[in-house]
């Protein structure tokens, strides 16, 4: 496909051939937290995107020690490659990938096509829950501020950087505050960051959940005025869909200055006195 970093992905055929490889650990991070219990890829362990990846008290992510504990319980050693996958075009799997990379754990990849492509191809699934011996893995890297935009940087960037709103058109215009099936976290007002480009995140995927070709992705984002070489901040409602777009722009297209605004619209749409646009 000519991607900037093809090593960020593995194919379904490659993963099936490596199901028994002890140097590989498969982790499911799914939008539907009950999907794993119904059926999952053999050998995979499950991370709940909210209970496992969010800070237990404050609005933040698990810190490096918390993520290292998750990796340890999954049997991930210092030389283990983590392969993440999930449903809905790898929505939350990409979020897990972004978080691991942000915290400094780099030996992670996405299964191209995720659960959908795996199922379409009739590859093996199971209900067996594996058990792995805990390891002493640590995350040696430091947090990468170049991956994450916080509120003050977003406000300072108004009119200066390219904002990519990856939500649905109805959320972008302000007609809806959240996806219909995930209404629990909502901002105070609807709309979008002034001047933001609306490039809904599912447009980056094919019908089987795999990523579109580099040529198609390049045309998609350039067609909306999202150009390489410019500073980009992607956002959605709470930062998970925009992590998927961050993956596309950085790993597949090679944009070198892209940040994920994880506070996203639940934060921005609740701030006092900030500019908001509504409508298309």
C-alpha atoms as a PDB file:
ATOM      1  CA  UNK A   1       0.000   0.000   0.000  1.00  0.00           C
ATOM      2  CA  UNK A   2       3.025   2.301   0.191  1.00  0.00           C
ATOM      3  CA  UNK A   3       2.285   3.460   3.714  1.00  0.00           C
ATOM      4  CA  UNK A   4       4.765   5.680   5.535  1.00  0.00           C
ATOM      5  CA  UNK A   5       5.201   3.131   8.332  1.00  0.00           C
ATOM      6  CA  UNK A   6       3.981  -0.260   7.105  1.00  0.00           C
ATOM      7  CA  UNK A   7       5.398  -1.888  10.242  1.00  0.00           C
ATOM      8  CA  UNK A   8       2.575  -0.281  12.241  1.00  0.00           C
ATOM      9  CA  UNK A   9       0.209  -2.856  10.707  1.00  0.00           C
ATOM     10  CA  UNK A  10      -0.010  -6.619  10.429  1.00  0.00           C
ATOM     11  CA  UNK A  11      -2.270  -8.480   8.020  1.00  0.00           C
ATOM     12  CA  UNK A  12      -4.919 -11.009   8.999  1.00  0.00           C
ATOM     13  CA  UNK A  13      -2.996 -13.739   7.149  1.00  0.00           C
ATOM     14  CA  UNK A  14       0.204 -12.907   9.035  1.00  0.00           C
ATOM     15  CA  UNK A  15      -1.547 -12.953  12.403  1.00  0.00           C
ATOM     16  CA  UNK A  16      -3.251 -16.291  11.746  1.00  0.00           C
ATOM     17  CA  UNK A  17       0.135 -17.749  10.864  1.00  0.00           C
ATOM     18  CA  UNK A  18       1.524 -16.408  14.158  1.00  0.00           C
ATOM     19  CA  UNK A  19      -1.258 -17.351  16.573  1.00  0.00           C
ATOM     20  CA  UNK A  20       1.079 -19.744  18.388  1.00  0.00           C
ATOM     21  CA  UNK A  21       4.085 -17.442  18.320  1.00  0.00           C
ATOM     22  CA  UNK A  22       5.097 -16.814  21.965  1.00  0.00           C
ATOM     23  CA  UNK A  23       6.692 -13.505  20.953  1.00  0.00           C
ATOM     24  CA  UNK A  24       3.267 -12.156  19.911  1.00  0.00           C
ATOM     25  CA  UNK A  25       0.536 -11.035  22.277  1.00  0.00           C
ATOM     26  CA  UNK A  26      -2.886 -10.192  20.863  1.00  0.00           C
ATOM     27  CA  UNK A  27      -4.992  -7.637  22.735  1.00  0.00           C
ATOM     28  CA  UNK A  28      -8.585  -6.747  21.939  1.00  0.00           C
ATOM     29  CA  UNK A  29      -9.701  -3.199  22.704  1.00  0.00           C
ATOM     30  CA  UNK A  30     -13.252  -2.997  21.477  1.00  0.00           C
ATOM     31  CA  UNK A  31     -16.007  -0.404  21.423  1.00  0.00           C
ATOM     32  CA  UNK A  32     -18.398  -3.191  22.457  1.00  0.00           C
ATOM     33  CA  UNK A  33     -16.835  -4.407  25.694  1.00  0.00           C
ATOM     34  CA  UNK A  34     -19.002  -7.551  25.581  1.00  0.00           C
ATOM     35  CA  UNK A  35     -17.808  -8.647  22.139  1.00  0.00           C
ATOM     36  CA  UNK A  36     -14.742 -10.399  23.541  1.00  0.00           C
ATOM     37  CA  UNK A  37     -16.891 -12.688  25.677  1.00  0.00           C
ATOM     38  CA  UNK A  38     -18.931 -13.786  22.696  1.00  0.00           C
ATOM     39  CA  UNK A  39     -15.958 -14.669  20.471  1.00  0.00           C
ATOM     40  CA  UNK A  40     -12.421 -13.445  20.023  1.00  0.00           C
ATOM     41  CA  UNK A  41      -9.193 -14.274  18.226  1.00  0.00           C
ATOM     42  CA  UNK A  42      -7.484 -17.286  19.845  1.00  0.00           C
ATOM     43  CA  UNK A  43      -4.938 -16.265  22.455  1.00  0.00           C
ATOM     44  CA  UNK A  44      -6.216 -12.690  22.713  1.00  0.00           C
ATOM     45  CA  UNK A  45      -6.731 -10.925  26.018  1.00  0.00           C
ATOM     46  CA  UNK A  46      -9.230  -8.113  26.505  1.00  0.00           C
ATOM     47  CA  UNK A  47      -8.701  -4.542  27.662  1.00  0.00           C
ATOM     48  CA  UNK A  48     -11.777  -2.557  28.580  1.00  0.00           C
ATOM     49  CA  UNK A  49     -11.244   0.852  26.993  1.00  0.00           C
ATOM     50  CA  UNK A  50     -12.805   2.642  29.972  1.00  0.00           C
ATOM     51  CA  UNK A  51     -12.028   0.518  33.037  1.00  0.00           C
ATOM     52  CA  UNK A  52      -8.488  -0.446  31.994  1.00  0.00           C
ATOM     53  CA  UNK A  53      -7.180   2.518  30.001  1.00  0.00           C
ATOM     54  CA  UNK A  54      -8.657   5.451  31.917  1.00  0.00           C
ATOM     55  CA  UNK A  55      -7.265   6.873  35.153  1.00  0.00           C
ATOM     56  CA  UNK A  56      -9.369   5.541  38.053  1.00  0.00           C
ATOM     57  CA  UNK A  57      -9.975   8.985  39.569  1.00  0.00           C
ATOM     58  CA  UNK A  58      -9.238  11.973  37.357  1.00  0.00           C
ATOM     59  CA  UNK A  59     -10.003  12.686  33.695  1.00  0.00           C
ATOM     60  CA  UNK A  60      -6.806  11.257  32.264  1.00  0.00           C
ATOM     61  CA  UNK A  61      -5.263   8.046  31.019  1.00  0.00           C
ATOM     62  CA  UNK A  62      -3.517   5.286  32.868  1.00  0.00           C
ATOM     63  CA  UNK A  63       0.021   6.339  33.602  1.00  0.00           C
ATOM     64  CA  UNK A  64       3.061   4.365  32.478  1.00  0.00           C
ATOM     65  CA  UNK A  65       3.064   2.186  35.593  1.00  0.00           C
ATOM     66  CA  UNK A  66      -0.627   1.396  35.128  1.00  0.00           C
ATOM     67  CA  UNK A  67      -0.126   0.429  31.509  1.00  0.00           C
ATOM     68  CA  UNK A  68       2.936  -1.637  32.427  1.00  0.00           C
ATOM     69  CA  UNK A  69       0.779  -3.520  34.924  1.00  0.00           C
ATOM     70  CA  UNK A  70      -1.767  -4.271  32.190  1.00  0.00           C
ATOM     71  CA  UNK A  71       0.988  -5.468  29.888  1.00  0.00           C
ATOM     72  CA  UNK A  72       2.489  -7.589  32.637  1.00  0.00           C
ATOM     73  CA  UNK A  73      -0.837  -9.327  33.347  1.00  0.00           C
ATOM     74  CA  UNK A  74      -1.158 -10.006  29.606  1.00  0.00           C
ATOM     75  CA  UNK A  75       2.201 -11.776  29.647  1.00  0.00           C
ATOM     76  CA  UNK A  76       3.987  -9.126  27.603  1.00  0.00           C
ATOM     77  CA  UNK A  77       7.750  -9.336  28.019  1.00  0.00           C
ATOM     78  CA  UNK A  78      10.489  -6.947  26.922  1.00  0.00           C
ATOM     79  CA  UNK A  79      10.686  -8.598  23.485  1.00  0.00           C
ATOM     80  CA  UNK A  80       6.963  -9.215  22.955  1.00  0.00           C
ATOM     81  CA  UNK A  81       5.147  -7.574  20.058  1.00  0.00           C
ATOM     82  CA  UNK A  82       1.648  -6.412  20.953  1.00  0.00           C
ATOM     83  CA  UNK A  83      -0.981  -6.669  18.207  1.00  0.00           C
ATOM     84  CA  UNK A  84      -4.150  -4.697  18.909  1.00  0.00           C
ATOM     85  CA  UNK A  85      -7.489  -5.197  17.227  1.00  0.00           C
ATOM     86  CA  UNK A  86     -11.163  -4.449  17.741  1.00  0.00           C
ATOM     87  CA  UNK A  87     -14.468  -3.887  16.015  1.00  0.00           C
ATOM     88  CA  UNK A  88     -15.830  -0.852  14.188  1.00  0.00           C
ATOM     89  CA  UNK A  89     -12.781  -0.326  11.963  1.00  0.00           C
ATOM     90  CA  UNK A  90     -10.375  -0.695  14.906  1.00  0.00           C
ATOM     91  CA  UNK A  91     -11.786   2.445  16.515  1.00  0.00           C
ATOM     92  CA  UNK A  92     -10.698   1.686  20.093  1.00  0.00           C
ATOM     93  CA  UNK A  93      -7.764  -0.473  19.045  1.00  0.00           C
ATOM     94  CA  UNK A  94      -6.245   2.627  17.433  1.00  0.00           C
ATOM     95  CA  UNK A  95      -6.926   4.492  20.648  1.00  0.00           C
ATOM     96  CA  UNK A  96      -5.042   1.805  22.579  1.00  0.00           C
ATOM     97  CA  UNK A  97      -2.180   2.021  20.089  1.00  0.00           C
ATOM     98  CA  UNK A  98      -2.002   5.818  20.445  1.00  0.00           C
ATOM     99  CA  UNK A  99      -1.998   5.581  24.238  1.00  0.00           C
ATOM    100  CA  UNK A 100       0.765   2.973  24.343  1.00  0.00           C
ATOM    101  CA  UNK A 101       2.904   5.027  21.977  1.00  0.00           C
ATOM    102  CA  UNK A 102       2.165   8.230  23.886  1.00  0.00           C
ATOM    103  CA  UNK A 103       3.294   6.643  27.149  1.00  0.00           C
ATOM    104  CA  UNK A 104       6.482   5.331  25.528  1.00  0.00           C
ATOM    105  CA  UNK A 105       5.708   1.701  24.622  1.00  0.00           C
ATOM    106  CA  UNK A 106       6.606   1.292  20.947  1.00  0.00           C
ATOM    107  CA  UNK A 107       6.423  -2.446  20.246  1.00  0.00           C
ATOM    108  CA  UNK A 108       2.766  -2.289  19.203  1.00  0.00           C
ATOM    109  CA  UNK A 109       0.921  -2.823  15.918  1.00  0.00           C
ATOM    110  CA  UNK A 110      -2.648  -2.786  14.610  1.00  0.00           C
ATOM    111  CA  UNK A 111      -4.347  -5.705  12.885  1.00  0.00           C
ATOM    112  CA  UNK A 112      -5.371  -4.203   9.552  1.00  0.00           C
ATOM    113  CA  UNK A 113      -9.125  -4.684   9.266  1.00  0.00           C
ATOM    114  CA  UNK A 114      -9.580  -5.746  12.864  1.00  0.00           C
ATOM    115  CA  UNK A 115     -12.411  -8.001  13.937  1.00  0.00           C
ATOM    116  CA  UNK A 116     -14.520  -7.306  10.843  1.00  0.00           C
ATOM    117  CA  UNK A 117     -11.963  -8.408   8.254  1.00  0.00           C
ATOM    118  CA  UNK A 118     -10.964 -11.389  10.399  1.00  0.00           C
ATOM    119  CA  UNK A 119     -14.598 -12.540  10.488  1.00  0.00           C
ATOM    120  CA  UNK A 120     -15.264 -11.855   6.803  1.00  0.00           C
ATOM    121  CA  UNK A 121     -12.336 -14.116   5.940  1.00  0.00           C
ATOM    122  CA  UNK A 122     -13.613 -16.892   8.224  1.00  0.00           C
ATOM    123  CA  UNK A 123     -10.505 -17.008  10.370  1.00  0.00           C
ATOM    124  CA  UNK A 124     -10.580 -18.846  13.721  1.00  0.00           C
ATOM    125  CA  UNK A 125     -12.425 -17.451  16.726  1.00  0.00           C
ATOM    126  CA  UNK A 126     -12.903 -18.868  20.211  1.00  0.00           C
ATOM    127  CA  UNK A 127     -14.567 -18.308  23.566  1.00  0.00           C
ATOM    128  CA  UNK A 128     -11.582 -19.698  25.488  1.00  0.00           C
ATOM    129  CA  UNK A 129      -9.959 -17.135  27.770  1.00  0.00           C
ATOM    130  CA  UNK A 130      -6.181 -17.573  27.909  1.00  0.00           C
ATOM    131  CA  UNK A 131      -4.048 -17.267  31.017  1.00  0.00           C
ATOM    132  CA  UNK A 132      -0.478 -16.001  30.855  1.00  0.00           C
ATOM    133  CA  UNK A 133       2.227 -15.866  33.462  1.00  0.00           C
ATOM    134  CA  UNK A 134       2.820 -12.309  34.605  1.00  0.00           C
ATOM    135  CA  UNK A 135       6.015 -10.609  33.554  1.00  0.00           C
ATOM    136  CA  UNK A 136       8.182  -7.868  34.984  1.00  0.00           C
ATOM    137  CA  UNK A 137       7.807  -5.588  31.973  1.00  0.00           C
ATOM    138  CA  UNK A 138       8.291  -1.845  32.417  1.00  0.00           C
ATOM    139  CA  UNK A 139       7.722   1.057  30.073  1.00  0.00           C
ATOM    140  CA  UNK A 140      11.102   2.679  29.666  1.00  0.00           C
ATOM    141  CA  UNK A 141      10.077   5.581  27.438  1.00  0.00           C
ATOM    142  CA  UNK A 142       8.765   8.958  28.547  1.00  0.00           C
ATOM    143  CA  UNK A 143       5.461  10.575  27.628  1.00  0.00           C
ATOM    144  CA  UNK A 144       5.531  12.158  24.189  1.00  0.00           C
ATOM    145  CA  UNK A 145       3.969  15.629  24.292  1.00  0.00           C
ATOM    146  CA  UNK A 146       4.170  15.769  20.488  1.00  0.00           C
ATOM    147  CA  UNK A 147       1.359  13.174  20.421  1.00  0.00           C
ATOM    148  CA  UNK A 148      -1.134  14.978  22.642  1.00  0.00           C
ATOM    149  CA  UNK A 149      -2.761  18.421  22.589  1.00  0.00           C
ATOM    150  CA  UNK A 150      -4.124  19.868  25.811  1.00  0.00           C
ATOM    151  CA  UNK A 151      -6.646  22.676  26.260  1.00  0.00           C
ATOM    152  CA  UNK A 152      -4.288  25.648  26.416  1.00  0.00           C
ATOM    153  CA  UNK A 153      -2.482  24.553  23.270  1.00  0.00           C
ATOM    154  CA  UNK A 154      -5.805  24.141  21.474  1.00  0.00           C
ATOM    155  CA  UNK A 155      -6.932  27.639  22.437  1.00  0.00           C
ATOM    156  CA  UNK A 156      -3.576  29.103  21.428  1.00  0.00           C
ATOM    157  CA  UNK A 157      -3.850  27.332  18.081  1.00  0.00           C
ATOM    158  CA  UNK A 158      -7.190  28.816  17.040  1.00  0.00           C
ATOM    159  CA  UNK A 159      -6.703  30.322  13.611  1.00  0.00           C
ATOM    160  CA  UNK A 160      -3.107  29.064  13.518  1.00  0.00           C
ATOM    161  CA  UNK A 161      -3.253  25.286  13.112  1.00  0.00           C
ATOM    162  CA  UNK A 162      -5.404  22.922  11.068  1.00  0.00           C
ATOM    163  CA  UNK A 163      -8.129  21.363  13.192  1.00  0.00           C
ATOM    164  CA  UNK A 164      -9.590  18.090  11.923  1.00  0.00           C
ATOM    165  CA  UNK A 165     -12.971  17.243  13.429  1.00  0.00           C
ATOM    166  CA  UNK A 166     -13.417  13.529  12.851  1.00  0.00           C
ATOM    167  CA  UNK A 167     -16.960  13.241  14.224  1.00  0.00           C
ATOM    168  CA  UNK A 168     -20.083  12.645  12.193  1.00  0.00           C
ATOM    169  CA  UNK A 169     -21.492  15.563  10.156  1.00  0.00           C
ATOM    170  CA  UNK A 170     -24.411  15.773  12.617  1.00  0.00           C
ATOM    171  CA  UNK A 171     -22.027  16.247  15.543  1.00  0.00           C
ATOM    172  CA  UNK A 172     -19.938  18.722  13.554  1.00  0.00           C
ATOM    173  CA  UNK A 173     -22.920  20.946  12.752  1.00  0.00           C
ATOM    174  CA  UNK A 174     -24.214  20.806  16.316  1.00  0.00           C
ATOM    175  CA  UNK A 175     -27.336  18.772  15.572  1.00  0.00           C
ATOM    176  CA  UNK A 176     -26.091  16.017  17.881  1.00  0.00           C
ATOM    177  CA  UNK A 177     -23.885  16.113  20.950  1.00  0.00           C
ATOM    178  CA  UNK A 178     -22.752  12.473  20.804  1.00  0.00           C
ATOM    179  CA  UNK A 179     -23.196   9.241  18.846  1.00  0.00           C
ATOM    180  CA  UNK A 180     -26.619   7.750  19.523  1.00  0.00           C
ATOM    181  CA  UNK A 181     -25.193   4.596  21.097  1.00  0.00           C
ATOM    182  CA  UNK A 182     -22.640   6.391  23.324  1.00  0.00           C
ATOM    183  CA  UNK A 183     -24.480   9.318  24.909  1.00  0.00           C
ATOM    184  CA  UNK A 184     -22.978   9.177  28.390  1.00  0.00           C
ATOM    185  CA  UNK A 185     -20.312  11.876  27.967  1.00  0.00           C
ATOM    186  CA  UNK A 186     -21.720  15.047  26.455  1.00  0.00           C
ATOM    187  CA  UNK A 187     -20.525  18.638  26.131  1.00  0.00           C
ATOM    188  CA  UNK A 188     -22.626  21.623  27.121  1.00  0.00           C
ATOM    189  CA  UNK A 189     -23.063  22.982  23.584  1.00  0.00           C
ATOM    190  CA  UNK A 190     -22.855  21.504  20.099  1.00  0.00           C
ATOM    191  CA  UNK A 191     -20.789  22.685  17.159  1.00  0.00           C
ATOM    192  CA  UNK A 192     -17.128  22.666  16.231  1.00  0.00           C
ATOM    193  CA  UNK A 193     -13.840  24.524  16.564  1.00  0.00           C
ATOM    194  CA  UNK A 194     -13.929  27.546  14.236  1.00  0.00           C
ATOM    195  CA  UNK A 195     -12.392  26.716  10.877  1.00  0.00           C
ATOM    196  CA  UNK A 196     -12.157  22.985  11.565  1.00  0.00           C
ATOM    197  CA  UNK A 197     -12.287  20.551   8.658  1.00  0.00           C
ATOM    198  CA  UNK A 198     -14.850  17.776   9.066  1.00  0.00           C
ATOM    199  CA  UNK A 199     -13.305  14.491   7.911  1.00  0.00           C
ATOM    200  CA  UNK A 200     -15.314  11.707   9.624  1.00  0.00           C
ATOM    201  CA  UNK A 201     -12.940   9.009  10.759  1.00  0.00           C
ATOM    202  CA  UNK A 202     -14.727   6.040   9.037  1.00  0.00           C
ATOM    203  CA  UNK A 203     -13.893   7.526   5.643  1.00  0.00           C
ATOM    204  CA  UNK A 204     -10.345   6.217   6.101  1.00  0.00           C
ATOM    205  CA  UNK A 205     -11.532   2.579   6.028  1.00  0.00           C
ATOM    206  CA  UNK A 206     -12.686   0.168   3.357  1.00  0.00           C
ATOM    207  CA  UNK A 207     -15.888  -1.838   3.666  1.00  0.00           C
ATOM    208  CA  UNK A 208     -13.966  -4.711   5.286  1.00  0.00           C
ATOM    209  CA  UNK A 209     -12.530  -2.450   7.996  1.00  0.00           C
ATOM    210  CA  UNK A 210      -9.033  -2.278   6.518  1.00  0.00           C
ATOM    211  CA  UNK A 211      -7.368   1.040   5.804  1.00  0.00           C
ATOM    212  CA  UNK A 212      -7.711   2.568   2.374  1.00  0.00           C
ATOM    213  CA  UNK A 213      -4.654   2.856   0.171  1.00  0.00           C
ATOM    214  CA  UNK A 214      -2.164   5.630   0.703  1.00  0.00           C
ATOM    215  CA  UNK A 215      -3.287   7.272  -2.533  1.00  0.00           C
ATOM    216  CA  UNK A 216      -6.940   7.284  -1.456  1.00  0.00           C
ATOM    217  CA  UNK A 217      -6.098   8.555   2.016  1.00  0.00           C
ATOM    218  CA  UNK A 218      -3.876  11.279   0.630  1.00  0.00           C
ATOM    219  CA  UNK A 219      -6.678  12.407  -1.682  1.00  0.00           C
ATOM    220  CA  UNK A 220      -9.199  12.321   1.171  1.00  0.00           C
ATOM    221  CA  UNK A 221      -7.275  14.615   3.509  1.00  0.00           C
ATOM    222  CA  UNK A 222      -5.714  16.898   0.930  1.00  0.00           C
ATOM    223  CA  UNK A 223      -9.176  17.317  -0.548  1.00  0.00           C
ATOM    224  CA  UNK A 224     -10.299  18.792   2.763  1.00  0.00           C
ATOM    225  CA  UNK A 225      -7.291  21.091   3.045  1.00  0.00           C
ATOM    226  CA  UNK A 226      -5.368  18.923   5.514  1.00  0.00           C
ATOM    227  CA  UNK A 227      -1.893  19.186   4.059  1.00  0.00           C
ATOM    228  CA  UNK A 228       1.372  17.488   5.081  1.00  0.00           C
ATOM    229  CA  UNK A 229       3.899  19.861   6.560  1.00  0.00           C
ATOM    230  CA  UNK A 230       1.260  21.800   8.492  1.00  0.00           C
ATOM    231  CA  UNK A 231       0.484  21.588  12.176  1.00  0.00           C
ATOM    232  CA  UNK A 232      -2.613  19.455  12.719  1.00  0.00           C
ATOM    233  CA  UNK A 233      -4.770  18.836  15.782  1.00  0.00           C
ATOM    234  CA  UNK A 234      -7.382  16.081  15.458  1.00  0.00           C
ATOM    235  CA  UNK A 235     -10.331  15.859  17.808  1.00  0.00           C
ATOM    236  CA  UNK A 236     -13.668  14.096  18.266  1.00  0.00           C
ATOM    237  CA  UNK A 237     -15.809  13.852  21.414  1.00  0.00           C
ATOM    238  CA  UNK A 238     -13.445  12.245  23.951  1.00  0.00           C
ATOM    239  CA  UNK A 239     -10.333  11.566  21.846  1.00  0.00           C
ATOM    240  CA  UNK A 240     -10.819   7.959  20.744  1.00  0.00           C
ATOM    241  CA  UNK A 241     -12.032   8.447  17.152  1.00  0.00           C
ATOM    242  CA  UNK A 242      -9.406  11.139  16.662  1.00  0.00           C
ATOM    243  CA  UNK A 243      -6.736   8.635  17.771  1.00  0.00           C
ATOM    244  CA  UNK A 244      -7.754   6.598  14.712  1.00  0.00           C
ATOM    245  CA  UNK A 245      -7.248   9.670  12.491  1.00  0.00           C
ATOM    246  CA  UNK A 246      -3.947  10.398  14.256  1.00  0.00           C
ATOM    247  CA  UNK A 247      -2.839   6.872  13.292  1.00  0.00           C
ATOM    248  CA  UNK A 248      -3.808   7.420   9.655  1.00  0.00           C
ATOM    249  CA  UNK A 249      -2.091  10.788   9.356  1.00  0.00           C
ATOM    250  CA  UNK A 250       1.122   9.868  11.188  1.00  0.00           C
ATOM    251  CA  UNK A 251       1.689   6.165  10.521  1.00  0.00           C
ATOM    252  CA  UNK A 252       0.115   5.740   7.092  1.00  0.00           C
ATOM    253  CA  UNK A 253       0.606   9.162   5.492  1.00  0.00           C
ATOM    254  CA  UNK A 254       3.694  10.361   7.344  1.00  0.00           C
ATOM    255  CA  UNK A 255       2.435  13.725   8.584  1.00  0.00           C
ATOM    256  CA  UNK A 256       5.034  14.768  11.123  1.00  0.00           C
ATOM    257  CA  UNK A 257       3.163  17.336  13.241  1.00  0.00           C
ATOM    258  CA  UNK A 258      -0.140  15.818  14.355  1.00  0.00           C
ATOM    259  CA  UNK A 259      -1.581  15.831  17.854  1.00  0.00           C
ATOM    260  CA  UNK A 260      -4.657  14.207  19.315  1.00  0.00           C
ATOM    261  CA  UNK A 261      -6.792  16.538  21.433  1.00  0.00           C
ATOM    262  CA  UNK A 262      -8.054  13.950  23.865  1.00  0.00           C
ATOM    263  CA  UNK A 263     -10.249  16.388  25.801  1.00  0.00           C
ATOM    264  CA  UNK A 264     -11.964  16.966  22.458  1.00  0.00           C
ATOM    265  CA  UNK A 265     -15.504  18.306  22.262  1.00  0.00           C
ATOM    266  CA  UNK A 266     -16.635  17.226  25.728  1.00  0.00           C
ATOM    267  CA  UNK A 267     -14.063  19.672  27.080  1.00  0.00           C
ATOM    268  CA  UNK A 268     -14.098  22.361  24.392  1.00  0.00           C
ATOM    269  CA  UNK A 269     -17.891  22.437  24.175  1.00  0.00           C
ATOM    270  CA  UNK A 270     -18.100  23.010  27.932  1.00  0.00           C
ATOM    271  CA  UNK A 271     -15.512  25.812  28.235  1.00  0.00           C
ATOM    272  CA  UNK A 272     -16.744  29.285  29.084  1.00  0.00           C
ATOM    273  CA  UNK A 273     -16.266  32.016  26.511  1.00  0.00           C
ATOM    274  CA  UNK A 274     -14.483  30.103  23.745  1.00  0.00           C
ATOM    275  CA  UNK A 275     -15.520  30.585  20.104  1.00  0.00           C
ATOM    276  CA  UNK A 276     -17.781  27.932  18.625  1.00  0.00           C
ATOM    277  CA  UNK A 277     -19.121  27.485  15.092  1.00  0.00           C
ATOM    278  CA  UNK A 278     -22.317  25.626  14.192  1.00  0.00           C
ATOM    279  CA  UNK A 279     -23.620  24.458  10.862  1.00  0.00           C
ATOM    280  CA  UNK A 280     -21.833  22.937   7.913  1.00  0.00           C
END
